[in-house]
Amino acid sequence: MKTEEKLSFFKELVQCIYKIPFSVYAPDMHLQSTDAPSPEIFGSLFMMSSAHTFLMEHMESSDFPIILSNSLGLMWTADFEKEKNETVRIYIMGPVFISMNPTSNLEAELDRRNIAVSLKMNFLRQMKLVPVVPAAQFFQFSVMLHDCLTGRKISVGDLQHQDTRHREPAQKDPDSIHADLHPGINNAEEELMRMVQEGNMDYKEIFVHASNLSSGVKASISSPVQLAKYTAVTFLALVSRAAIRGGLPAPTAYTLNDLYTEQIDACKTLSDLTVLNGTMYNDFVYRVHKCRADPSVSKPVRSCCDTIDMHIKEKIDIEQLAQMTGYSSYYLSRKFKTETGQSIHSYINKAKIDYAKMLLSSTRISIQEISDQLNFCSRSYFTDQFLKIAGMPPSLYREKYSTV
C-alpha cells in the first residue's frame, strides 16, 4: 500500500471518531492541501503561534513527530515525509483541544484583546468545530501517523514536545463522583510511585503506559493549560513523597518540590508541561537511585551533594557546606573524600560539567553563556575543565550529541 493510500485510510478511521483536520505543507510552509473547515482561520492560528516557529527550527533535525501547542490550549502534531534526509512534505494533524470546556478560556482571551464583537462571535463559531480529544488518544494517533508516513514503529515516549521554557475544599457531592472517570489509574499510579521509591531507572515503559491511561485531573476548568498545571502539581507532590519513602532526605525533596512548582507555574503551553513532567520524574528517580546505590554515603555528605546539584549555577564553597552540616571545613572535606572518593571541589566541577553537557546537547545557548551561567571564572577555564572531565572540548561535544 502506497503512503498516500495509507494516509487516506488512516484519516478515514480517525475521522470516524474525531473530526480532526489534516493539512499538508511544502517545506517552505506553503499550504498544499487541507480538509480544515475554515482553512484561513485554522491556518492563521498555527502560522501565528510559537508552534510554527518551533517547527521551522526543528524540521530538518527531527526524525520523530513533534507535538505542538499554544497558550489557548490548541494542539497539533507535525510529522515529515523525507527523501535522502531532506523534508519534502510536512503533515499537520490538528488543531484539537484536550480540555472538556475550552470556549470560555477563548472568550476571556479575545476579551483581553478588545476584538470586535462580530469578529469574536465568528471566531468562536469556528472554534466550536475544533474537536476535543483526550491527550493520550491524540498521542496514539500521532504514533499511527508516523507509521503511515515512514513504516517505522515508535511509541508515545518517542514523541517530541515543543518546549518554550528558558516557570478549596471539594464541594462535589461524594455520591455523584463516578469512579469510571479514572479507569485503571490507581494501579498505574502505584507502579509509578514504586519505581520512584526503588530508584528504578528502568521506568520509561511504565511512565508512558500511565500517561496513556490518564488525561489528568477531571475538573470543569476553562483553561486546559491551567488544568494541566494542577495535574502536574498533584503528580509532583506524589513523586516527592515517594522519593522520601525511598530514602531521599526530606529537605532535599521539599526543596525540589518548591523549585519544580515554580517551573510548572512558568509553563505557557501543554507541551512545556509534558516535557517538565518527564524531567521532574527522572530527576527524583535518579536521586533516589543514587541514594540507594551507595548507602555508605552518610546523610550529611548526601545533603552536601544534593545542595550542590540543586544550586549548580551558584557559587558554592566549602565553608557554606560546613556551616550547613555543622562540621568544620577540614572535617567535612576529609569525610566527603573518604565517602565519595573525590574532593568537594572535584564533585562541584563534575556536577557543573554534567549540567553543561545537558545544555550543550539540548539547547542552543552559547558556550560563553553556559560558562557564565555556571560561574566559571573564564571561558578558557571552563573549556579546560570540560576537556579534563568529558574528554573533548565543549564545541565538539555539542557537534556530536546535540539534539536541536
Protein backbone atom coordinates (compact mmCIF):
# COMPACT_ATOMS: atom_id res chain seq x y z
CA MET A 1 0.00 0.00 0.00
CA LYS A 2 1.39 3.41 -1.01
CA THR A 3 1.94 6.21 1.52
CA GLU A 4 -0.98 8.23 0.13
CA GLU A 5 -3.30 5.25 0.41
CA LYS A 6 -2.23 4.50 3.97
CA LEU A 7 -2.74 8.15 4.96
CA SER A 8 -6.18 8.26 3.35
CA PHE A 9 -7.23 5.10 5.18
CA PHE A 10 -5.80 6.41 8.47
CA LYS A 11 -7.68 9.72 8.10
CA GLU A 12 -10.95 7.91 7.48
CA LEU A 13 -10.50 5.80 10.61
CA VAL A 14 -9.60 8.79 12.80
CA GLN A 15 -12.38 11.00 11.46
CA CYS A 16 -14.95 8.30 12.19
CA ILE A 17 -14.30 9.14 15.86
CA TYR A 18 -12.99 12.73 15.90
CA LYS A 19 -13.22 15.31 13.11
CA ILE A 20 -9.52 16.17 13.31
CA PRO A 21 -8.30 18.32 10.39
CA PHE A 22 -5.32 17.16 8.31
CA SER A 23 -3.14 19.56 6.31
CA VAL A 24 -0.13 19.13 4.05
CA TYR A 25 2.54 21.84 3.63
CA ALA A 26 5.62 22.22 1.47
CA PRO A 27 8.94 22.71 3.34
CA ASP A 28 8.54 26.50 2.91
CA MET A 29 5.14 26.18 4.70
CA HIS A 30 3.12 26.82 1.55
CA LEU A 31 -0.22 25.05 2.05
CA GLN A 32 -0.72 22.21 -0.44
CA SER A 33 -3.96 20.68 0.84
CA THR A 34 -6.24 20.71 3.87
CA ASP A 35 -9.64 19.45 4.96
CA ALA A 36 -9.96 22.04 7.74
CA PRO A 37 -13.48 23.60 7.78
CA SER A 38 -12.05 27.15 7.74
CA PRO A 39 -8.55 26.97 6.22
CA GLU A 40 -7.83 30.70 6.61
CA ILE A 41 -8.64 30.82 10.32
CA PHE A 42 -7.20 27.43 11.21
CA GLY A 43 -4.06 28.08 9.18
CA SER A 44 -3.55 31.52 10.71
CA LEU A 45 -3.86 30.11 14.22
CA PHE A 46 -0.97 27.78 13.50
CA MET A 47 1.22 30.15 11.47
CA MET A 48 0.95 32.98 14.02
CA SER A 49 1.79 30.84 17.06
CA SER A 50 5.07 29.84 18.69
CA ALA A 51 4.28 26.32 17.45
CA HIS A 52 5.08 27.38 13.87
CA THR A 53 8.40 28.95 14.93
CA PHE A 54 9.40 25.83 16.85
CA LEU A 55 8.51 23.62 13.88
CA MET A 56 10.66 25.61 11.47
CA GLU A 57 13.63 25.46 13.85
CA HIS A 58 13.41 21.67 14.30
CA MET A 59 12.08 20.48 10.93
CA GLU A 60 15.32 19.14 9.46
CA SER A 61 16.76 17.69 12.68
CA SER A 62 13.63 15.81 13.77
CA ASP A 63 13.13 12.12 12.97
CA PHE A 64 10.02 11.83 15.14
CA PRO A 65 6.62 13.58 15.25
CA ILE A 66 6.54 16.86 17.16
CA ILE A 67 3.64 17.75 19.47
CA LEU A 68 2.94 21.48 19.22
CA SER A 69 0.62 23.64 21.30
CA ASN A 70 -0.20 27.22 22.19
CA SER A 71 -1.48 29.15 25.20
CA LEU A 72 -5.12 28.78 24.09
CA GLY A 73 -4.88 25.02 24.58
CA LEU A 74 -4.83 24.13 20.88
CA MET A 75 -2.62 21.19 19.97
CA TRP A 76 -1.16 19.89 16.70
CA THR A 77 1.11 17.08 15.58
CA ALA A 78 3.69 17.75 12.87
CA ASP A 79 5.37 14.89 11.02
CA PHE A 80 7.61 14.79 7.98
CA GLU A 81 7.96 12.95 4.71
CA LYS A 82 11.65 12.88 3.80
CA GLU A 83 13.73 11.85 0.81
CA LYS A 84 17.51 11.50 1.24
CA ASN A 85 17.22 13.20 4.67
CA GLU A 86 15.52 16.23 3.11
CA THR A 87 11.98 17.20 4.09
CA VAL A 88 9.67 17.13 1.06
CA ARG A 89 6.29 17.46 2.82
CA ILE A 90 5.05 18.42 6.28
CA TYR A 91 1.88 16.78 7.60
CA ILE A 92 -0.07 18.65 10.26
CA MET A 93 -2.77 16.84 12.26
CA GLY A 94 -4.96 19.26 14.20
CA PRO A 95 -5.77 21.53 15.82
CA VAL A 96 -7.55 19.82 18.68
CA PHE A 97 -8.49 20.78 22.20
CA ILE A 98 -7.79 18.41 25.07
CA SER A 99 -9.96 20.29 27.57
CA MET A 100 -13.63 19.45 28.04
CA ASN A 101 -14.60 23.13 28.21
CA PRO A 102 -12.28 25.23 26.02
CA THR A 103 -14.55 28.03 24.81
CA SER A 104 -14.71 30.12 27.98
CA ASN A 105 -10.92 30.39 28.00
CA LEU A 106 -11.02 31.56 24.39
CA GLU A 107 -13.67 34.16 25.19
CA ALA A 108 -11.54 35.55 28.01
CA GLU A 109 -8.52 35.75 25.70
CA LEU A 110 -10.49 37.54 22.99
CA ASP A 111 -11.93 39.97 25.56
CA ARG A 112 -8.40 40.87 26.67
CA ARG A 113 -7.51 41.70 23.07
CA ASN A 114 -10.54 44.01 22.58
CA ILE A 115 -11.65 42.25 19.39
CA ALA A 116 -14.86 43.48 17.78
CA VAL A 117 -17.95 41.55 18.84
CA SER A 118 -18.80 40.37 15.29
CA LEU A 119 -15.27 39.04 14.74
CA LYS A 120 -15.25 37.46 18.17
CA MET A 121 -18.54 35.63 17.58
CA ASN A 122 -17.38 34.39 14.17
CA PHE A 123 -14.10 33.15 15.64
CA LEU A 124 -15.87 31.32 18.48
CA ARG A 125 -18.24 29.68 15.98
CA GLN A 126 -15.25 28.36 14.08
CA MET A 127 -13.55 27.16 17.27
CA LYS A 128 -16.60 25.05 18.09
CA LEU A 129 -15.60 22.96 15.08
CA VAL A 130 -12.29 22.04 16.74
CA PRO A 131 -12.67 18.54 18.20
CA VAL A 132 -11.95 17.78 21.86
CA VAL A 133 -9.62 14.77 22.00
CA PRO A 134 -8.06 13.24 25.14
CA ALA A 135 -4.31 13.89 25.12
CA ALA A 136 -3.44 10.20 25.42
CA GLN A 137 -5.63 9.39 22.40
CA PHE A 138 -4.12 12.21 20.35
CA PHE A 139 -0.61 10.97 21.12
CA GLN A 140 -1.61 7.49 19.94
CA PHE A 141 -2.91 8.97 16.68
CA SER A 142 0.47 10.74 16.30
CA VAL A 143 2.28 7.40 16.60
CA MET A 144 -0.02 5.90 13.95
CA LEU A 145 0.53 8.86 11.61
CA HIS A 146 4.29 8.31 11.81
CA ASP A 147 3.83 4.64 10.93
CA CYS A 148 1.81 5.63 7.85
CA LEU A 149 4.49 8.07 6.68
CA THR A 150 7.63 6.07 7.43
CA GLY A 151 6.64 2.47 8.16
CA ARG A 152 8.58 2.80 11.40
CA LYS A 153 7.11 1.63 14.70
CA ILE A 154 7.57 4.07 17.57
CA SER A 155 5.99 4.54 21.00
CA VAL A 156 4.33 7.55 22.63
CA GLY A 157 7.56 8.06 24.57
CA ASP A 158 9.38 8.82 21.30
CA LEU A 159 7.19 11.83 20.51
CA GLN A 160 8.99 15.15 20.75
CA HIS A 161 7.34 18.05 22.52
CA GLN A 162 7.58 21.76 21.94
CA ASP A 163 9.34 23.31 24.93
CA THR A 164 9.12 27.12 25.25
CA ARG A 165 10.61 27.43 28.75
CA HIS A 166 14.28 29.08 29.30
CA ARG A 167 8.25 28.61 35.20
CA GLU A 168 -10.54 24.97 48.27
CA PRO A 169 -12.12 22.07 49.69
CA ALA A 170 -14.13 19.90 47.27
CA GLN A 171 -17.80 20.89 47.04
CA LYS A 172 -18.97 17.97 44.92
CA ASP A 173 -21.42 15.52 46.46
CA PRO A 174 -19.38 12.32 47.07
CA ASP A 175 -22.34 10.23 45.91
CA SER A 176 -22.15 11.89 42.49
CA ILE A 177 -18.47 11.07 41.93
CA HIS A 178 -18.00 8.42 39.26
CA ALA A 179 -15.10 6.00 39.61
CA ASP A 180 -15.09 5.34 35.87
CA LEU A 181 -13.65 8.82 35.22
CA HIS A 182 -10.22 7.40 36.15
CA PRO A 183 -10.23 3.81 34.84
CA GLY A 184 -7.16 1.79 35.87
CA ILE A 185 -5.33 4.83 37.18
CA ASN A 186 -4.78 3.62 40.74
CA ASN A 187 -2.71 0.59 39.76
CA ALA A 188 -0.63 2.58 37.29
CA GLU A 189 -0.05 5.33 39.86
CA GLU A 190 1.09 2.81 42.47
CA GLU A 191 3.52 1.31 39.98
CA LEU A 192 4.92 4.74 39.12
CA MET A 193 5.44 5.58 42.79
CA ARG A 194 7.06 2.20 43.41
CA MET A 195 9.57 2.99 40.68
CA VAL A 196 10.42 6.26 42.43
CA GLN A 197 10.67 4.61 45.84
CA GLU A 198 13.03 1.95 44.48
CA GLY A 199 15.06 4.40 42.38
CA ASN A 200 14.37 2.13 39.41
CA MET A 201 15.78 3.80 36.29
CA ASP A 202 14.01 1.31 34.03
CA TYR A 203 10.75 3.23 34.37
CA LYS A 204 10.07 4.57 30.88
CA GLU A 205 7.63 1.90 29.71
CA ILE A 206 5.56 2.26 32.90
CA PHE A 207 5.68 6.06 32.63
CA VAL A 208 4.36 6.00 29.05
CA HIS A 209 1.68 3.45 29.96
CA ALA A 210 0.44 5.57 32.88
CA SER A 211 0.43 8.69 30.69
CA ASN A 212 -1.76 6.90 28.15
CA LEU A 213 -4.27 5.89 30.82
CA SER A 214 -4.76 9.30 32.38
CA SER A 215 -5.68 12.65 30.88
CA GLY A 216 -5.11 14.31 34.25
CA VAL A 217 -7.31 15.98 36.82
CA LYS A 218 -11.02 15.87 35.93
CA ALA A 219 -12.36 19.34 36.69
CA SER A 220 -14.54 21.91 34.94
CA ILE A 221 -11.75 24.45 34.40
CA SER A 222 -11.85 26.56 31.26
CA SER A 223 -8.10 26.78 30.67
CA PRO A 224 -6.54 23.48 29.55
CA VAL A 225 -3.08 24.79 30.43
CA GLN A 226 -4.20 25.66 33.97
CA LEU A 227 -5.85 22.26 34.32
CA ALA A 228 -2.61 20.59 33.22
CA LYS A 229 -0.70 22.67 35.79
CA TYR A 230 -2.95 21.38 38.58
CA THR A 231 -2.33 17.84 37.33
CA ALA A 232 1.44 18.45 37.28
CA VAL A 233 1.49 19.86 40.83
CA THR A 234 -0.53 16.86 42.08
CA PHE A 235 1.86 14.47 40.36
CA LEU A 236 4.86 16.36 41.79
CA ALA A 237 3.54 16.02 45.34
CA LEU A 238 3.05 12.27 44.94
CA VAL A 239 6.50 11.79 43.43
CA SER A 240 8.33 13.84 46.06
CA ARG A 241 6.69 11.87 48.92
CA ALA A 242 7.55 8.57 47.22
CA ALA A 243 11.15 9.76 46.95
CA ILE A 244 11.25 10.47 50.68
CA ARG A 245 9.99 6.96 51.38
CA GLY A 246 12.76 5.70 49.09
CA GLY A 247 15.47 7.39 51.15
CA LEU A 248 15.85 10.85 49.65
CA PRO A 249 16.39 13.33 52.51
CA ALA A 250 13.15 15.19 53.21
CA PRO A 251 14.74 18.68 52.99
CA THR A 252 16.05 17.81 49.52
CA ALA A 253 12.67 16.51 48.37
CA TYR A 254 10.83 19.58 49.71
CA THR A 255 13.31 21.97 48.08
CA LEU A 256 12.96 20.17 44.74
CA ASN A 257 9.19 20.30 45.16
CA ASP A 258 9.36 24.08 45.55
CA LEU A 259 11.69 24.52 42.57
CA TYR A 260 9.55 22.40 40.24
CA THR A 261 6.35 24.11 41.40
CA GLU A 262 7.85 27.42 40.26
CA GLN A 263 8.76 25.88 36.89
CA ILE A 264 5.25 24.45 36.49
CA ASP A 265 3.78 27.88 37.13
CA ALA A 266 6.09 29.36 34.46
CA CYS A 267 4.95 26.94 31.74
CA LYS A 268 2.99 28.52 28.89
CA THR A 269 1.81 25.51 26.87
CA LEU A 270 0.75 21.90 27.29
CA SER A 271 3.96 20.77 25.61
CA ASP A 272 6.01 22.69 28.18
CA LEU A 273 4.24 20.78 30.93
CA THR A 274 4.69 17.41 29.22
CA VAL A 275 8.45 17.98 28.93
CA LEU A 276 8.70 19.22 32.51
CA ASN A 277 6.76 16.26 33.94
CA GLY A 278 9.23 13.86 32.34
CA THR A 279 12.24 15.86 33.53
CA MET A 280 10.90 16.10 37.08
CA TYR A 281 10.07 12.39 37.35
CA ASN A 282 13.50 11.39 36.02
CA ASP A 283 15.21 13.75 38.47
CA PHE A 284 13.52 12.25 41.53
CA VAL A 285 14.05 8.66 40.38
CA TYR A 286 17.73 9.32 39.69
CA ARG A 287 18.31 10.97 43.06
CA VAL A 288 16.71 8.04 44.91
CA HIS A 289 18.76 5.68 42.74
CA LYS A 290 21.97 7.42 43.81
CA CYS A 291 20.98 7.27 47.48
CA ARG A 292 20.20 3.57 47.34
CA ALA A 293 23.15 2.65 45.11
CA ASP A 294 25.65 3.91 47.68
CA PRO A 295 24.20 3.52 51.18
CA SER A 296 27.68 4.05 52.66
CA VAL A 297 27.35 7.79 51.99
CA SER A 298 26.15 9.46 55.18
CA LYS A 299 23.22 11.85 55.31
CA PRO A 300 25.41 14.96 55.84
CA VAL A 301 27.53 14.13 52.78
CA ARG A 302 24.45 13.25 50.74
CA SER A 303 22.93 16.55 51.79
CA CYS A 304 26.05 18.34 50.52
CA CYS A 305 25.77 16.56 47.15
CA ASP A 306 22.10 17.46 46.86
CA THR A 307 22.80 21.10 47.76
CA ILE A 308 25.49 21.29 45.07
CA ASP A 309 23.21 19.69 42.47
CA MET A 310 20.29 21.99 43.26
CA HIS A 311 22.37 25.18 43.28
CA ILE A 312 24.66 24.29 40.41
CA LYS A 313 24.52 27.79 38.88
CA GLU A 314 25.52 29.46 42.14
CA LYS A 315 28.94 29.87 43.69
CA ILE A 316 29.25 27.24 46.42
CA ASP A 317 32.22 26.99 48.76
CA ILE A 318 33.24 24.51 51.44
CA GLU A 319 32.52 26.98 54.26
CA GLN A 320 28.83 27.18 53.26
CA LEU A 321 28.51 23.39 53.21
CA ALA A 322 30.36 23.05 56.52
CA GLN A 323 28.01 25.54 58.17
CA MET A 324 25.02 23.62 56.81
CA THR A 325 26.23 20.29 58.20
CA GLY A 326 27.59 21.64 61.49
CA TYR A 327 31.09 20.30 60.78
CA SER A 328 34.33 22.22 60.43
CA SER A 329 35.56 22.75 56.88
CA TYR A 330 38.54 20.50 57.50
CA TYR A 331 36.48 17.62 58.92
CA LEU A 332 33.81 17.88 56.21
CA SER A 333 36.45 17.88 53.45
CA ARG A 334 38.05 14.69 54.81
CA LYS A 335 34.70 12.99 55.42
CA PHE A 336 33.42 13.90 51.94
CA LYS A 337 36.52 12.50 50.20
CA THR A 338 36.51 9.33 52.31
CA GLU A 339 32.89 8.56 51.46
CA THR A 340 32.74 9.68 47.80
CA GLY A 341 36.32 9.15 46.65
CA GLN A 342 36.66 12.74 45.45
CA SER A 343 37.14 16.18 46.92
CA ILE A 344 34.28 18.64 47.28
CA HIS A 345 35.92 20.86 44.66
CA SER A 346 36.14 17.94 42.20
CA TYR A 347 32.50 16.99 42.85
CA ILE A 348 31.35 20.57 42.20
CA ASN A 349 33.32 20.75 38.94
CA LYS A 350 31.97 17.40 37.73
CA ALA A 351 28.39 18.40 38.59
CA LYS A 352 28.85 21.65 36.65
CA ILE A 353 30.27 19.83 33.63
CA ASP A 354 27.40 17.30 33.72
CA TYR A 355 24.95 20.21 33.69
CA ALA A 356 26.91 21.86 30.85
CA LYS A 357 26.62 18.61 28.84
CA MET A 358 22.85 18.79 29.17
CA LEU A 359 22.77 22.43 27.99
CA LEU A 360 25.13 21.72 25.08
CA SER A 361 23.09 18.78 23.84
CA SER A 362 19.58 20.14 24.35
CA THR A 363 19.80 23.94 23.83
CA ARG A 364 21.47 26.49 21.56
CA ILE A 365 22.87 28.58 24.40
CA SER A 366 26.39 29.75 23.51
CA ILE A 367 29.41 28.19 25.20
CA GLN A 368 30.30 31.57 26.69
CA GLU A 369 26.83 31.90 28.23
CA ILE A 370 27.00 28.37 29.65
CA SER A 371 30.37 29.20 31.19
CA ASP A 372 28.91 32.38 32.71
CA GLN A 373 25.78 30.62 33.99
CA LEU A 374 27.87 28.03 35.80
CA ASN A 375 30.11 30.66 37.40
CA PHE A 376 33.40 29.65 35.79
CA CYS A 377 35.96 32.44 36.00
CA SER A 378 36.55 32.38 32.24
CA ARG A 379 35.58 30.50 29.10
CA SER A 380 39.09 29.10 28.75
CA TYR A 381 38.99 27.65 32.28
CA PHE A 382 35.55 26.17 31.57
CA THR A 383 36.89 24.59 28.36
CA ASP A 384 39.91 23.18 30.23
CA GLN A 385 37.69 21.62 32.91
CA PHE A 386 35.24 20.27 30.33
CA LEU A 387 38.08 18.68 28.34
CA LYS A 388 39.54 17.16 31.51
CA ILE A 389 36.22 15.59 32.64
CA ALA A 390 34.39 14.88 29.34
CA GLY A 391 37.44 14.01 27.25
CA MET A 392 36.59 16.51 24.50
CA PRO A 393 36.07 20.28 24.20
CA PRO A 394 32.51 21.63 24.59
CA SER A 395 32.25 22.59 20.90
CA LEU A 396 32.95 19.01 19.80
CA TYR A 397 30.57 17.63 22.44
CA ARG A 398 27.76 19.84 21.07
CA GLU A 399 28.54 18.83 17.48
CA LYS A 400 28.46 15.14 18.44
CA TYR A 401 25.46 15.00 20.80
CA SER A 402 23.20 17.98 20.01
CA THR A 403 19.52 17.12 19.57
CA VAL A 404 18.39 20.62 18.49
